[in-house]
Amino acid sequence: MDAAATTTAPTSLGSGPAGLATRVVSGAVAVTRLPGQAVDAGRRLVADATDVVEQAAGLVTRVVALVGTIEVLVDEIAVIAGRASLVVSQADAVAIDAGRTATLADVQVRRLAALIDAIEPAVAQLRPTLERSAEVLEPQHAESVAKLLDLTPEVIDLITPALRNLGALTPELHSLAERFEAMGQIVEGIPGASMFKRRGAADDEDGESK
């Protein structure tokens, strides 16, 4: 009676790794208590151990697959984190550029304000003149000024050669002036030249009085 209970007890346990382990232990106990049933118990023990190994191998496979999935998720998270970091860096760069632009704009505004402050007195002085000019000037006057400005380049082109020629004549004019001065000295050395000089001065005075 006790032997039958002992041999049938392991088969009534639940399945799964825990149940299989329990049956393995029970089988081992049965082998030690019932030498006559050692072969059957050993076979069951081997079968149960094989099931345990197979289930353990299945669990290992599932764990390996789960680890692979986790690694893929970790890689995707790393990629997303890298993109987020890049977006943050670009946002920081945009913020820095905006700050520089604001600084430059502030500098330009200050310069413009200083320029306005500097020319404001002159504008205030010119205001009456500008108002009178606005009252006096007619549209045709503005057209005449515009035409004059249009002709200015042509006038400059005409005057420039003449000015260059005057520059070239400057040494000759100096030479001519020196010759006149020398001639005056020669004339002053002629007897009676002072009398002609006084008479010429008197004629000049009479001409001015008339």
C-alpha atoms as a PDB file:
ATOM      1  CA  MET A   1       0.000   0.000   0.000  1.00  0.00           C
ATOM      2  CA  ASP A   2       2.726   2.441   0.880  1.00  0.00           C
ATOM      3  CA  ALA A   3       4.722   1.412  -2.169  1.00  0.00           C
ATOM      4  CA  ALA A   4       1.833   2.108  -4.535  1.00  0.00           C
ATOM      5  CA  ALA A   5       1.240   5.482  -2.997  1.00  0.00           C
ATOM      6  CA  THR A   6       4.905   6.217  -3.232  1.00  0.00           C
ATOM      7  CA  THR A   7       5.121   5.302  -6.918  1.00  0.00           C
ATOM      8  CA  THR A   8       1.945   7.143  -7.985  1.00  0.00           C
ATOM      9  CA  ALA A   9       2.562  10.342  -6.014  1.00  0.00           C
ATOM     10  CA  PRO A  10       4.922  11.965  -8.568  1.00  0.00           C
ATOM     11  CA  THR A  11       2.431  11.582 -11.449  1.00  0.00           C
ATOM     12  CA  SER A  12      -0.259  13.540  -9.605  1.00  0.00           C
ATOM     13  CA  LEU A  13       1.819  16.723  -9.410  1.00  0.00           C
ATOM     14  CA  GLY A  14       1.368  19.685 -11.708  1.00  0.00           C
ATOM     15  CA  SER A  15       3.274  20.220 -14.938  1.00  0.00           C
ATOM     16  CA  GLY A  16       5.909  22.857 -15.553  1.00  0.00           C
ATOM     17  CA  PRO A  17       9.523  23.126 -14.399  1.00  0.00           C
ATOM     18  CA  ALA A  18       8.583  23.102 -10.699  1.00  0.00           C
ATOM     19  CA  GLY A  19       6.406  20.021 -11.083  1.00  0.00           C
ATOM     20  CA  LEU A  20       9.046  18.252 -13.118  1.00  0.00           C
ATOM     21  CA  ALA A  21      11.693  19.022 -10.537  1.00  0.00           C
ATOM     22  CA  THR A  22       9.408  17.676  -7.813  1.00  0.00           C
ATOM     23  CA  ARG A  23       8.829  14.486  -9.778  1.00  0.00           C
ATOM     24  CA  VAL A  24      12.556  14.094 -10.303  1.00  0.00           C
ATOM     25  CA  VAL A  25      13.134  14.362  -6.565  1.00  0.00           C
ATOM     26  CA  SER A  26      10.249  11.984  -5.811  1.00  0.00           C
ATOM     27  CA  GLY A  27      11.610   9.516  -8.327  1.00  0.00           C
ATOM     28  CA  ALA A  28      14.999   9.668  -6.734  1.00  0.00           C
ATOM     29  CA  VAL A  29      13.421   8.984  -3.346  1.00  0.00           C
ATOM     30  CA  ALA A  30      11.453   6.071  -4.802  1.00  0.00           C
ATOM     31  CA  VAL A  31      14.615   4.596  -6.238  1.00  0.00           C
ATOM     32  CA  THR A  32      16.249   4.620  -2.833  1.00  0.00           C
ATOM     33  CA  ARG A  33      13.183   3.060  -1.134  1.00  0.00           C
ATOM     34  CA  LEU A  34      12.186   0.493  -3.717  1.00  0.00           C
ATOM     35  CA  PRO A  35      15.146  -1.263  -5.238  1.00  0.00           C
ATOM     36  CA  GLY A  36      12.829  -3.456  -7.287  1.00  0.00           C
ATOM     37  CA  GLN A  37      11.423  -0.504  -9.199  1.00  0.00           C
ATOM     38  CA  ALA A  38      14.766   1.222  -9.709  1.00  0.00           C
ATOM     39  CA  VAL A  39      14.744   0.800 -13.494  1.00  0.00           C
ATOM     40  CA  ASP A  40      11.267   2.294 -13.975  1.00  0.00           C
ATOM     41  CA  ALA A  41      11.988   5.126 -11.591  1.00  0.00           C
ATOM     42  CA  GLY A  42      15.300   5.792 -13.318  1.00  0.00           C
ATOM     43  CA  ARG A  43      13.565   5.933 -16.704  1.00  0.00           C
ATOM     44  CA  ARG A  44      10.968   8.320 -15.401  1.00  0.00           C
ATOM     45  CA  LEU A  45      13.718  10.336 -13.780  1.00  0.00           C
ATOM     46  CA  VAL A  46      15.603  10.555 -17.073  1.00  0.00           C
ATOM     47  CA  ALA A  47      12.414  11.483 -18.947  1.00  0.00           C
ATOM     48  CA  ASP A  48      11.528  14.150 -16.416  1.00  0.00           C
ATOM     49  CA  ALA A  49      15.078  15.479 -16.480  1.00  0.00           C
ATOM     50  CA  THR A  50      14.915  15.614 -20.290  1.00  0.00           C
ATOM     51  CA  ASP A  51      11.663  17.579 -20.115  1.00  0.00           C
ATOM     52  CA  VAL A  52      13.244  19.953 -17.627  1.00  0.00           C
ATOM     53  CA  VAL A  53      16.225  20.457 -19.925  1.00  0.00           C
ATOM     54  CA  GLU A  54      13.995  21.021 -22.972  1.00  0.00           C
ATOM     55  CA  GLN A  55      11.810  23.526 -21.121  1.00  0.00           C
ATOM     56  CA  ALA A  56      14.906  25.237 -19.778  1.00  0.00           C
ATOM     57  CA  ALA A  57      16.324  25.392 -23.312  1.00  0.00           C
ATOM     58  CA  GLY A  58      13.045  26.903 -24.520  1.00  0.00           C
ATOM     59  CA  LEU A  59      13.207  29.498 -21.770  1.00  0.00           C
ATOM     60  CA  VAL A  60      16.798  30.311 -22.706  1.00  0.00           C
ATOM     61  CA  THR A  61      15.764  30.758 -26.351  1.00  0.00           C
ATOM     62  CA  ARG A  62      12.941  33.075 -25.348  1.00  0.00           C
ATOM     63  CA  VAL A  63      15.272  35.028 -23.059  1.00  0.00           C
ATOM     64  CA  VAL A  64      17.838  35.366 -25.867  1.00  0.00           C
ATOM     65  CA  ALA A  65      15.119  36.601 -28.247  1.00  0.00           C
ATOM     66  CA  LEU A  66      13.901  39.035 -25.592  1.00  0.00           C
ATOM     67  CA  VAL A  67      17.443  40.297 -25.068  1.00  0.00           C
ATOM     68  CA  GLY A  68      17.795  40.814 -28.835  1.00  0.00           C
ATOM     69  CA  THR A  69      14.546  42.779 -28.909  1.00  0.00           C
ATOM     70  CA  ILE A  70      15.725  44.870 -25.977  1.00  0.00           C
ATOM     71  CA  GLU A  71      19.024  45.570 -27.758  1.00  0.00           C
ATOM     72  CA  VAL A  72      17.141  46.727 -30.870  1.00  0.00           C
ATOM     73  CA  LEU A  73      14.970  48.987 -28.720  1.00  0.00           C
ATOM     74  CA  VAL A  74      18.060  50.372 -27.008  1.00  0.00           C
ATOM     75  CA  ASP A  75      19.639  51.118 -30.408  1.00  0.00           C
ATOM     76  CA  GLU A  76      16.467  52.865 -31.592  1.00  0.00           C
ATOM     77  CA  ILE A  77      16.328  54.871 -28.373  1.00  0.00           C
ATOM     78  CA  ALA A  78      19.975  55.865 -28.887  1.00  0.00           C
ATOM     79  CA  VAL A  79      19.199  57.006 -32.457  1.00  0.00           C
ATOM     80  CA  ILE A  80      16.187  59.007 -31.262  1.00  0.00           C
ATOM     81  CA  ALA A  81      18.267  60.534 -28.475  1.00  0.00           C
ATOM     82  CA  GLY A  82      20.952  61.488 -31.019  1.00  0.00           C
ATOM     83  CA  ARG A  83      18.370  63.154 -33.262  1.00  0.00           C
ATOM     84  CA  ALA A  84      16.908  64.984 -30.298  1.00  0.00           C
ATOM     85  CA  SER A  85      20.386  66.162 -29.318  1.00  0.00           C
ATOM     86  CA  LEU A  86      20.958  67.385 -32.897  1.00  0.00           C
ATOM     87  CA  VAL A  87      17.656  69.276 -32.856  1.00  0.00           C
ATOM     88  CA  VAL A  88      18.582  70.853 -29.532  1.00  0.00           C
ATOM     89  CA  SER A  89      21.995  71.846 -30.905  1.00  0.00           C
ATOM     90  CA  GLN A  90      20.379  73.421 -33.979  1.00  0.00           C
ATOM     91  CA  ALA A  91      17.911  75.269 -31.782  1.00  0.00           C
ATOM     92  CA  ASP A  92      20.808  76.554 -29.671  1.00  0.00           C
ATOM     93  CA  ALA A  93      22.615  77.707 -32.831  1.00  0.00           C
ATOM     94  CA  VAL A  94      19.480  79.515 -34.034  1.00  0.00           C
ATOM     95  CA  ALA A  95      19.112  81.157 -30.641  1.00  0.00           C
ATOM     96  CA  ILE A  96      22.756  82.272 -30.735  1.00  0.00           C
ATOM     97  CA  ASP A  97      22.340  83.716 -34.253  1.00  0.00           C
ATOM     98  CA  ALA A  98      19.181  85.502 -33.160  1.00  0.00           C
ATOM     99  CA  GLY A  99      21.044  86.959 -30.205  1.00  0.00           C
ATOM    100  CA  ARG A 100      23.864  88.176 -32.456  1.00  0.00           C
ATOM    101  CA  THR A 101      21.372  89.708 -34.875  1.00  0.00           C
ATOM    102  CA  ALA A 102      19.619  91.474 -32.034  1.00  0.00           C
ATOM    103  CA  THR A 103      22.959  92.785 -30.762  1.00  0.00           C
ATOM    104  CA  LEU A 104      23.948  94.101 -34.208  1.00  0.00           C
ATOM    105  CA  ALA A 105      20.536  95.681 -34.648  1.00  0.00           C
ATOM    106  CA  ASP A 106      20.883  97.374 -31.271  1.00  0.00           C
ATOM    107  CA  VAL A 107      24.304  98.730 -32.276  1.00  0.00           C
ATOM    108  CA  GLN A 108      22.923 100.091 -35.557  1.00  0.00           C
ATOM    109  CA  VAL A 109      19.979 101.672 -33.772  1.00  0.00           C
ATOM    110  CA  ARG A 110      22.341 103.393 -31.359  1.00  0.00           C
ATOM    111  CA  ARG A 111      24.486 104.685 -34.221  1.00  0.00           C
ATOM    112  CA  LEU A 112      21.413 105.961 -36.039  1.00  0.00           C
ATOM    113  CA  ALA A 113      20.185 107.658 -32.885  1.00  0.00           C
ATOM    114  CA  ALA A 114      23.590 109.317 -32.414  1.00  0.00           C
ATOM    115  CA  LEU A 115      23.560 110.471 -36.059  1.00  0.00           C
ATOM    116  CA  ILE A 116      20.074 111.924 -35.689  1.00  0.00           C
ATOM    117  CA  ASP A 117      21.124 113.726 -32.518  1.00  0.00           C
ATOM    118  CA  ALA A 118      24.157 115.137 -34.350  1.00  0.00           C
ATOM    119  CA  ILE A 119      22.286 116.468 -37.398  1.00  0.00           C
ATOM    120  CA  GLU A 120      19.174 117.610 -35.563  1.00  0.00           C
ATOM    121  CA  PRO A 121      20.576 121.110 -34.760  1.00  0.00           C
ATOM    122  CA  ALA A 122      21.627 121.636 -38.402  1.00  0.00           C
ATOM    123  CA  VAL A 123      18.231 120.484 -39.622  1.00  0.00           C
ATOM    124  CA  ALA A 124      16.565 122.843 -37.174  1.00  0.00           C
ATOM    125  CA  GLN A 125      18.629 125.741 -38.540  1.00  0.00           C
ATOM    126  CA  LEU A 126      17.871 124.804 -42.134  1.00  0.00           C
ATOM    127  CA  ARG A 127      14.169 124.418 -41.503  1.00  0.00           C
ATOM    128  CA  PRO A 128      13.248 128.089 -42.149  1.00  0.00           C
ATOM    129  CA  THR A 129      15.318 128.102 -45.346  1.00  0.00           C
ATOM    130  CA  LEU A 130      13.694 124.900 -46.518  1.00  0.00           C
ATOM    131  CA  GLU A 131      10.249 126.270 -45.766  1.00  0.00           C
ATOM    132  CA  ARG A 132      10.948 129.455 -47.732  1.00  0.00           C
ATOM    133  CA  SER A 133      12.422 127.412 -50.566  1.00  0.00           C
ATOM    134  CA  ALA A 134       9.305 125.276 -50.655  1.00  0.00           C
ATOM    135  CA  GLU A 135       7.195 128.424 -50.933  1.00  0.00           C
ATOM    136  CA  VAL A 136       9.353 130.028 -53.648  1.00  0.00           C
ATOM    137  CA  LEU A 137      10.377 127.078 -55.780  1.00  0.00           C
ATOM    138  CA  GLU A 138       8.082 125.990 -58.555  1.00  0.00           C
ATOM    139  CA  PRO A 139       7.920 122.618 -60.327  1.00  0.00           C
ATOM    140  CA  GLN A 140       9.818 124.048 -63.290  1.00  0.00           C
ATOM    141  CA  HIS A 141      12.648 125.007 -60.952  1.00  0.00           C
ATOM    142  CA  ALA A 142      12.959 121.416 -59.833  1.00  0.00           C
ATOM    143  CA  GLU A 143      12.960 120.299 -63.475  1.00  0.00           C
ATOM    144  CA  SER A 144      15.709 122.807 -64.259  1.00  0.00           C
ATOM    145  CA  VAL A 145      17.822 121.537 -61.383  1.00  0.00           C
ATOM    146  CA  ALA A 146      17.304 117.974 -62.581  1.00  0.00           C
ATOM    147  CA  LYS A 147      18.399 118.936 -66.107  1.00  0.00           C
ATOM    148  CA  LEU A 148      21.425 120.743 -64.686  1.00  0.00           C
ATOM    149  CA  LEU A 149      22.390 117.641 -62.752  1.00  0.00           C
ATOM    150  CA  ASP A 150      22.010 115.585 -65.911  1.00  0.00           C
ATOM    151  CA  LEU A 151      24.329 117.975 -67.768  1.00  0.00           C
ATOM    152  CA  THR A 152      26.924 118.049 -64.999  1.00  0.00           C
ATOM    153  CA  PRO A 153      28.931 115.034 -66.294  1.00  0.00           C
ATOM    154  CA  GLU A 154      29.167 116.600 -69.763  1.00  0.00           C
ATOM    155  CA  VAL A 155      30.286 119.927 -68.293  1.00  0.00           C
ATOM    156  CA  ILE A 156      32.911 118.155 -66.216  1.00  0.00           C
ATOM    157  CA  ASP A 157      34.154 116.328 -69.305  1.00  0.00           C
ATOM    158  CA  LEU A 158      34.498 119.673 -71.095  1.00  0.00           C
ATOM    159  CA  ILE A 159      36.224 121.465 -68.209  1.00  0.00           C
ATOM    160  CA  THR A 160      38.665 118.704 -67.310  1.00  0.00           C
ATOM    161  CA  PRO A 161      40.901 119.087 -70.429  1.00  0.00           C
ATOM    162  CA  ALA A 162      40.984 122.872 -69.952  1.00  0.00           C
ATOM    163  CA  LEU A 163      42.056 122.464 -66.343  1.00  0.00           C
ATOM    164  CA  ARG A 164      44.752 120.044 -67.418  1.00  0.00           C
ATOM    165  CA  ASN A 165      45.988 122.587 -69.973  1.00  0.00           C
ATOM    166  CA  LEU A 166      46.060 125.288 -67.298  1.00  0.00           C
ATOM    167  CA  GLY A 167      48.139 122.998 -65.158  1.00  0.00           C
ATOM    168  CA  ALA A 168      50.555 122.565 -68.023  1.00  0.00           C
ATOM    169  CA  LEU A 169      50.679 126.360 -68.563  1.00  0.00           C
ATOM    170  CA  THR A 170      51.547 127.108 -64.942  1.00  0.00           C
ATOM    171  CA  PRO A 171      55.348 126.894 -65.427  1.00  0.00           C
ATOM    172  CA  GLU A 172      55.124 129.126 -68.512  1.00  0.00           C
ATOM    173  CA  LEU A 173      53.059 131.694 -66.592  1.00  0.00           C
ATOM    174  CA  HIS A 174      55.687 131.753 -63.858  1.00  0.00           C
ATOM    175  CA  SER A 175      58.362 132.279 -66.484  1.00  0.00           C
ATOM    176  CA  LEU A 176      56.341 135.084 -68.098  1.00  0.00           C
ATOM    177  CA  ALA A 177      55.855 136.780 -64.723  1.00  0.00           C
ATOM    178  CA  GLU A 178      59.587 136.626 -64.083  1.00  0.00           C
ATOM    179  CA  ARG A 179      60.247 138.212 -67.470  1.00  0.00           C
ATOM    180  CA  PHE A 180      57.779 141.040 -66.797  1.00  0.00           C
ATOM    181  CA  GLU A 181      59.442 141.662 -63.459  1.00  0.00           C
ATOM    182  CA  ALA A 182      62.844 141.808 -65.101  1.00  0.00           C
ATOM    183  CA  MET A 183      61.464 144.150 -67.758  1.00  0.00           C
ATOM    184  CA  GLY A 184      60.054 146.417 -65.030  1.00  0.00           C
ATOM    185  CA  GLN A 185      63.433 146.581 -63.381  1.00  0.00           C
ATOM    186  CA  ILE A 186      64.996 147.505 -66.721  1.00  0.00           C
ATOM    187  CA  VAL A 187      62.393 150.204 -67.337  1.00  0.00           C
ATOM    188  CA  GLU A 188      62.955 151.677 -63.890  1.00  0.00           C
ATOM    189  CA  GLY A 189      66.616 152.051 -64.795  1.00  0.00           C
ATOM    190  CA  ILE A 190      65.807 154.250 -67.802  1.00  0.00           C
ATOM    191  CA  PRO A 191      66.115 158.018 -67.095  1.00  0.00           C
ATOM    192  CA  GLY A 192      62.705 159.656 -66.728  1.00  0.00           C
ATOM    193  CA  ALA A 193      60.960 156.379 -66.085  1.00  0.00           C
ATOM    194  CA  SER A 194      59.811 157.540 -62.661  1.00  0.00           C
ATOM    195  CA  MET A 195      58.013 160.487 -64.257  1.00  0.00           C
ATOM    196  CA  PHE A 196      56.097 158.171 -66.593  1.00  0.00           C
ATOM    197  CA  LYS A 197      55.296 156.018 -63.609  1.00  0.00           C
ATOM    198  CA  ARG A 198      53.841 158.955 -61.638  1.00  0.00           C
ATOM    199  CA  ARG A 199      51.860 160.086 -64.671  1.00  0.00           C
ATOM    200  CA  GLY A 200      50.422 156.617 -65.098  1.00  0.00           C
ATOM    201  CA  ALA A 201      49.414 156.561 -61.434  1.00  0.00           C
ATOM    202  CA  ALA A 202      47.714 159.957 -61.797  1.00  0.00           C
ATOM    203  CA  ASP A 203      45.795 158.747 -64.856  1.00  0.00           C
ATOM    204  CA  ASP A 204      44.631 155.732 -62.888  1.00  0.00           C
ATOM    205  CA  GLU A 205      43.372 157.965 -60.083  1.00  0.00           C
ATOM    206  CA  ASP A 206      41.501 160.188 -62.539  1.00  0.00           C
ATOM    207  CA  GLY A 207      39.893 157.174 -64.150  1.00  0.00           C
ATOM    208  CA  GLU A 208      38.750 155.851 -60.800  1.00  0.00           C
ATOM    209  CA  SER A 209      37.329 159.240 -59.769  1.00  0.00           C
ATOM    210  CA  LYS A 210      35.257 159.370 -62.965  1.00  0.00           C
END
